[in-house]
Amino acid sequence: SWTPSAGDVGAATTATYTATIPASGWSGSGPYTVAVTVSGILASDNPIVDIVQTGTESTDEAIRENWGKINRITTAAGSVTVYASEVPSAGIPIQLKVVR
């Protein structure tokens, strides 16, 4: 059985950030990349990322379709870099959940 030591005691903290992956400003020729400002995120964060849907089916369908073009997201201090196999044709609202 595991017994916590003094250094192990303490609660984790969480943070949720929002951003929009843009349809413009991408560079490269595949994978394509774009940096997106996310104030407060840390380079050491490993967020859980998902889309934020609007509740309007036609808009949400476009968000879901464009989300399928995203390959991965990496963190830096105050921003994320998004990698895509194809440049999205519309902005993609996302939320990033971080546990520290």
N, C-alpha and C. Protein backbone atom coordinates (compact mmCIF):
# COMPACT_ATOMS: atom_id res chain seq x y z
N SER A 1 0.84 -1.18 0.00
CA SER A 1 0.00 0.00 0.00
C SER A 1 0.88 1.24 0.00
N TRP A 2 0.33 2.30 -0.53
CA TRP A 2 1.07 3.56 -0.65
C TRP A 2 0.69 4.47 0.49
N THR A 3 1.70 5.08 1.12
CA THR A 3 1.47 6.06 2.18
C THR A 3 2.10 7.37 1.72
N PRO A 4 1.32 8.46 1.70
CA PRO A 4 1.89 9.72 1.23
C PRO A 4 2.92 10.28 2.20
N SER A 5 3.95 10.87 1.65
CA SER A 5 4.94 11.57 2.48
C SER A 5 4.59 13.05 2.48
N ALA A 6 5.30 13.83 3.27
CA ALA A 6 4.99 15.26 3.40
C ALA A 6 5.03 15.96 2.04
N GLY A 7 5.95 15.56 1.18
CA GLY A 7 6.05 16.19 -0.14
C GLY A 7 4.93 15.80 -1.09
N ASP A 8 4.20 14.72 -0.78
CA ASP A 8 3.13 14.24 -1.65
C ASP A 8 1.78 14.87 -1.33
N VAL A 9 1.66 15.46 -0.15
CA VAL A 9 0.36 15.97 0.30
C VAL A 9 0.09 17.31 -0.37
N GLY A 10 -1.08 17.46 -0.91
CA GLY A 10 -1.47 18.70 -1.57
C GLY A 10 -2.43 18.39 -2.68
N ALA A 11 -3.28 19.33 -2.93
CA ALA A 11 -4.30 19.13 -3.95
C ALA A 11 -3.80 19.60 -5.31
N ALA A 12 -4.22 18.91 -6.32
CA ALA A 12 -3.94 19.35 -7.69
C ALA A 12 -4.80 20.56 -7.99
N THR A 13 -4.34 21.40 -8.87
CA THR A 13 -5.14 22.53 -9.32
C THR A 13 -5.48 22.32 -10.78
N THR A 14 -6.58 22.90 -11.20
CA THR A 14 -6.98 22.81 -12.60
C THR A 14 -7.18 24.21 -13.16
N ALA A 15 -7.05 24.31 -14.45
CA ALA A 15 -7.32 25.56 -15.15
C ALA A 15 -7.92 25.21 -16.50
N THR A 16 -8.83 26.04 -16.95
CA THR A 16 -9.43 25.86 -18.27
C THR A 16 -9.19 27.13 -19.07
N TYR A 17 -8.67 26.97 -20.25
CA TYR A 17 -8.38 28.08 -21.15
C TYR A 17 -9.20 27.92 -22.42
N THR A 18 -9.49 29.02 -23.07
CA THR A 18 -10.18 28.96 -24.36
C THR A 18 -9.37 29.71 -25.40
N ALA A 19 -9.54 29.32 -26.63
CA ALA A 19 -8.84 29.94 -27.75
C ALA A 19 -9.59 29.56 -29.02
N THR A 20 -9.20 30.18 -30.11
CA THR A 20 -9.76 29.81 -31.41
C THR A 20 -8.61 29.52 -32.37
N ILE A 21 -8.63 28.32 -32.92
CA ILE A 21 -7.67 27.97 -33.96
C ILE A 21 -8.15 28.69 -35.23
N PRO A 22 -7.32 29.54 -35.82
CA PRO A 22 -7.78 30.36 -36.95
C PRO A 22 -7.78 29.61 -38.29
N ALA A 23 -8.47 30.20 -39.24
CA ALA A 23 -8.49 29.67 -40.60
C ALA A 23 -7.41 30.35 -41.46
N SER A 24 -6.70 31.31 -40.89
CA SER A 24 -5.65 32.01 -41.64
C SER A 24 -4.39 32.10 -40.78
N GLY A 25 -3.28 32.46 -41.41
CA GLY A 25 -2.02 32.65 -40.70
C GLY A 25 -1.17 31.40 -40.58
N TRP A 26 -1.53 30.35 -41.26
CA TRP A 26 -0.80 29.08 -41.19
C TRP A 26 0.47 29.16 -42.03
N SER A 27 1.47 28.37 -41.64
CA SER A 27 2.70 28.29 -42.43
C SER A 27 3.05 26.82 -42.66
N GLY A 28 3.96 26.60 -43.58
CA GLY A 28 4.38 25.24 -43.91
C GLY A 28 3.66 24.70 -45.11
N SER A 29 4.01 23.46 -45.44
CA SER A 29 3.40 22.82 -46.60
C SER A 29 2.86 21.44 -46.26
N GLY A 30 2.65 21.19 -45.01
CA GLY A 30 2.11 19.92 -44.53
C GLY A 30 3.18 19.12 -43.80
N PRO A 31 3.12 19.02 -42.48
CA PRO A 31 2.02 19.59 -41.72
C PRO A 31 2.11 21.12 -41.66
N TYR A 32 0.97 21.73 -41.63
CA TYR A 32 0.86 23.17 -41.50
C TYR A 32 0.89 23.51 -40.01
N THR A 33 1.40 24.70 -39.67
CA THR A 33 1.44 25.10 -38.27
C THR A 33 0.94 26.53 -38.10
N VAL A 34 0.42 26.80 -36.90
CA VAL A 34 0.04 28.16 -36.53
C VAL A 34 0.18 28.27 -35.01
N ALA A 35 0.69 29.40 -34.55
CA ALA A 35 0.78 29.68 -33.11
C ALA A 35 -0.48 30.42 -32.69
N VAL A 36 -1.04 30.02 -31.56
CA VAL A 36 -2.26 30.63 -31.03
C VAL A 36 -1.98 31.09 -29.60
N THR A 37 -2.25 32.35 -29.30
CA THR A 37 -2.06 32.87 -27.96
C THR A 37 -3.05 32.24 -26.99
N VAL A 38 -2.53 31.73 -25.87
CA VAL A 38 -3.36 31.19 -24.78
C VAL A 38 -2.74 31.71 -23.49
N SER A 39 -3.19 32.88 -23.06
CA SER A 39 -2.62 33.52 -21.88
C SER A 39 -2.76 32.62 -20.66
N GLY A 40 -1.65 32.37 -19.96
CA GLY A 40 -1.67 31.59 -18.74
C GLY A 40 -1.21 30.16 -18.89
N ILE A 41 -1.22 29.64 -20.11
CA ILE A 41 -0.79 28.25 -20.28
C ILE A 41 0.74 28.19 -20.16
N LEU A 42 1.24 27.07 -19.67
CA LEU A 42 2.67 26.90 -19.45
C LEU A 42 3.26 25.90 -20.45
N ALA A 43 4.53 26.04 -20.72
CA ALA A 43 5.21 25.11 -21.62
C ALA A 43 5.16 23.69 -21.08
N SER A 44 5.11 23.55 -19.76
CA SER A 44 5.10 22.22 -19.13
C SER A 44 3.70 21.61 -19.06
N ASP A 45 2.66 22.37 -19.43
CA ASP A 45 1.29 21.84 -19.39
C ASP A 45 1.08 20.79 -20.46
N ASN A 46 0.24 19.83 -20.15
CA ASN A 46 -0.15 18.77 -21.07
C ASN A 46 -1.69 18.76 -21.10
N PRO A 47 -2.30 19.71 -21.80
CA PRO A 47 -3.74 19.88 -21.70
C PRO A 47 -4.56 18.82 -22.42
N ILE A 48 -5.77 18.67 -21.93
CA ILE A 48 -6.80 17.91 -22.64
C ILE A 48 -7.53 18.96 -23.48
N VAL A 49 -7.59 18.75 -24.79
CA VAL A 49 -8.13 19.76 -25.69
C VAL A 49 -9.36 19.20 -26.40
N ASP A 50 -10.40 20.03 -26.49
CA ASP A 50 -11.60 19.65 -27.23
C ASP A 50 -12.22 20.89 -27.84
N ILE A 51 -13.11 20.68 -28.77
CA ILE A 51 -13.81 21.79 -29.41
C ILE A 51 -14.91 22.31 -28.49
N VAL A 52 -15.32 23.55 -28.74
CA VAL A 52 -16.46 24.14 -28.05
C VAL A 52 -17.53 24.34 -29.11
N GLN A 53 -18.62 23.61 -28.98
CA GLN A 53 -19.69 23.70 -29.97
C GLN A 53 -20.66 24.83 -29.59
N THR A 54 -21.36 25.35 -30.58
CA THR A 54 -22.22 26.52 -30.39
C THR A 54 -23.67 26.18 -30.12
N GLY A 55 -24.09 24.99 -30.51
CA GLY A 55 -25.50 24.63 -30.40
C GLY A 55 -26.27 24.84 -31.69
N THR A 56 -25.62 25.45 -32.68
CA THR A 56 -26.21 25.61 -34.01
C THR A 56 -25.63 24.51 -34.89
N GLU A 57 -26.47 23.60 -35.36
CA GLU A 57 -25.98 22.39 -36.02
C GLU A 57 -25.09 22.68 -37.23
N SER A 58 -25.45 23.63 -38.08
CA SER A 58 -24.63 23.89 -39.27
C SER A 58 -23.25 24.43 -38.88
N THR A 59 -23.19 25.29 -37.88
CA THR A 59 -21.91 25.82 -37.40
C THR A 59 -21.10 24.71 -36.76
N ASP A 60 -21.75 23.91 -35.91
CA ASP A 60 -21.05 22.84 -35.21
C ASP A 60 -20.54 21.77 -36.17
N GLU A 61 -21.27 21.52 -37.24
CA GLU A 61 -20.81 20.56 -38.25
C GLU A 61 -19.51 21.04 -38.88
N ALA A 62 -19.42 22.34 -39.18
CA ALA A 62 -18.19 22.89 -39.75
C ALA A 62 -17.04 22.82 -38.74
N ILE A 63 -17.33 23.09 -37.46
CA ILE A 63 -16.31 22.99 -36.42
C ILE A 63 -15.78 21.56 -36.34
N ARG A 64 -16.69 20.59 -36.30
CA ARG A 64 -16.28 19.18 -36.20
C ARG A 64 -15.48 18.75 -37.42
N GLU A 65 -15.91 19.16 -38.60
CA GLU A 65 -15.19 18.81 -39.83
C GLU A 65 -13.78 19.38 -39.82
N ASN A 66 -13.63 20.63 -39.43
CA ASN A 66 -12.31 21.26 -39.40
C ASN A 66 -11.44 20.71 -38.28
N TRP A 67 -12.04 20.32 -37.17
CA TRP A 67 -11.29 19.72 -36.06
C TRP A 67 -10.60 18.43 -36.51
N GLY A 68 -11.20 17.73 -37.44
CA GLY A 68 -10.61 16.50 -37.99
C GLY A 68 -9.32 16.74 -38.76
N LYS A 69 -9.02 17.99 -39.10
CA LYS A 69 -7.80 18.33 -39.82
C LYS A 69 -6.61 18.57 -38.88
N ILE A 70 -6.89 18.68 -37.58
CA ILE A 70 -5.84 18.97 -36.60
C ILE A 70 -5.14 17.68 -36.18
N ASN A 71 -3.80 17.70 -36.25
CA ASN A 71 -3.00 16.52 -35.90
C ASN A 71 -2.57 16.51 -34.44
N ARG A 72 -2.08 17.65 -33.97
CA ARG A 72 -1.61 17.74 -32.59
C ARG A 72 -1.48 19.19 -32.18
N ILE A 73 -1.34 19.39 -30.86
CA ILE A 73 -1.17 20.72 -30.29
C ILE A 73 -0.08 20.62 -29.23
N THR A 74 0.91 21.51 -29.30
CA THR A 74 1.97 21.55 -28.31
C THR A 74 1.91 22.89 -27.56
N THR A 75 2.44 22.89 -26.33
CA THR A 75 2.36 24.09 -25.50
C THR A 75 3.68 24.82 -25.43
N ALA A 76 3.59 26.11 -25.18
CA ALA A 76 4.71 26.99 -24.87
C ALA A 76 4.18 27.97 -23.83
N ALA A 77 5.03 28.78 -23.29
CA ALA A 77 4.58 29.76 -22.31
C ALA A 77 3.69 30.80 -23.00
N GLY A 78 2.39 30.78 -22.69
CA GLY A 78 1.46 31.76 -23.24
C GLY A 78 0.92 31.47 -24.62
N SER A 79 1.22 30.29 -25.16
CA SER A 79 0.70 29.97 -26.49
C SER A 79 0.71 28.47 -26.73
N VAL A 80 0.05 28.08 -27.79
CA VAL A 80 0.11 26.70 -28.27
C VAL A 80 0.45 26.75 -29.75
N THR A 81 1.08 25.70 -30.23
CA THR A 81 1.31 25.54 -31.66
C THR A 81 0.43 24.41 -32.13
N VAL A 82 -0.34 24.69 -33.17
CA VAL A 82 -1.29 23.74 -33.72
C VAL A 82 -0.72 23.20 -35.03
N TYR A 83 -0.78 21.89 -35.19
CA TYR A 83 -0.30 21.21 -36.39
C TYR A 83 -1.50 20.61 -37.10
N ALA A 84 -1.55 20.79 -38.42
CA ALA A 84 -2.69 20.29 -39.18
C ALA A 84 -2.24 19.64 -40.48
N SER A 85 -2.99 18.63 -40.91
CA SER A 85 -2.72 17.98 -42.18
C SER A 85 -3.25 18.83 -43.34
N GLU A 86 -4.25 19.65 -43.02
CA GLU A 86 -4.89 20.54 -44.00
C GLU A 86 -5.31 21.79 -43.24
N VAL A 87 -5.17 22.95 -43.85
CA VAL A 87 -5.55 24.20 -43.20
C VAL A 87 -7.07 24.25 -43.04
N PRO A 88 -7.56 24.52 -41.83
CA PRO A 88 -9.01 24.60 -41.63
C PRO A 88 -9.63 25.72 -42.47
N SER A 89 -10.85 25.51 -42.90
CA SER A 89 -11.55 26.51 -43.70
C SER A 89 -12.36 27.47 -42.83
N ALA A 90 -12.42 27.22 -41.52
CA ALA A 90 -13.13 28.07 -40.58
C ALA A 90 -12.43 27.98 -39.24
N GLY A 91 -12.62 29.01 -38.41
CA GLY A 91 -12.06 29.00 -37.06
C GLY A 91 -12.63 27.86 -36.24
N ILE A 92 -11.83 27.36 -35.31
CA ILE A 92 -12.23 26.24 -34.46
C ILE A 92 -12.11 26.69 -33.00
N PRO A 93 -13.23 26.95 -32.31
CA PRO A 93 -13.13 27.30 -30.90
C PRO A 93 -12.78 26.07 -30.07
N ILE A 94 -11.80 26.21 -29.19
CA ILE A 94 -11.34 25.09 -28.37
C ILE A 94 -11.28 25.50 -26.90
N GLN A 95 -11.29 24.48 -26.04
CA GLN A 95 -10.96 24.69 -24.65
C GLN A 95 -9.85 23.72 -24.28
N LEU A 96 -8.99 24.15 -23.37
CA LEU A 96 -7.85 23.37 -22.95
C LEU A 96 -7.94 23.21 -21.43
N LYS A 97 -8.05 22.00 -20.96
CA LYS A 97 -8.15 21.71 -19.54
C LYS A 97 -6.79 21.23 -19.05
N VAL A 98 -6.27 21.89 -18.01
CA VAL A 98 -4.94 21.60 -17.49
C VAL A 98 -5.08 21.19 -16.02
N VAL A 99 -4.35 20.15 -15.64
CA VAL A 99 -4.26 19.73 -14.24
C VAL A 99 -2.80 19.89 -13.84
N ARG A 100 -2.59 20.63 -12.78
CA ARG A 100 -1.21 20.87 -12.31
C ARG A 100 -1.09 20.37 -10.88
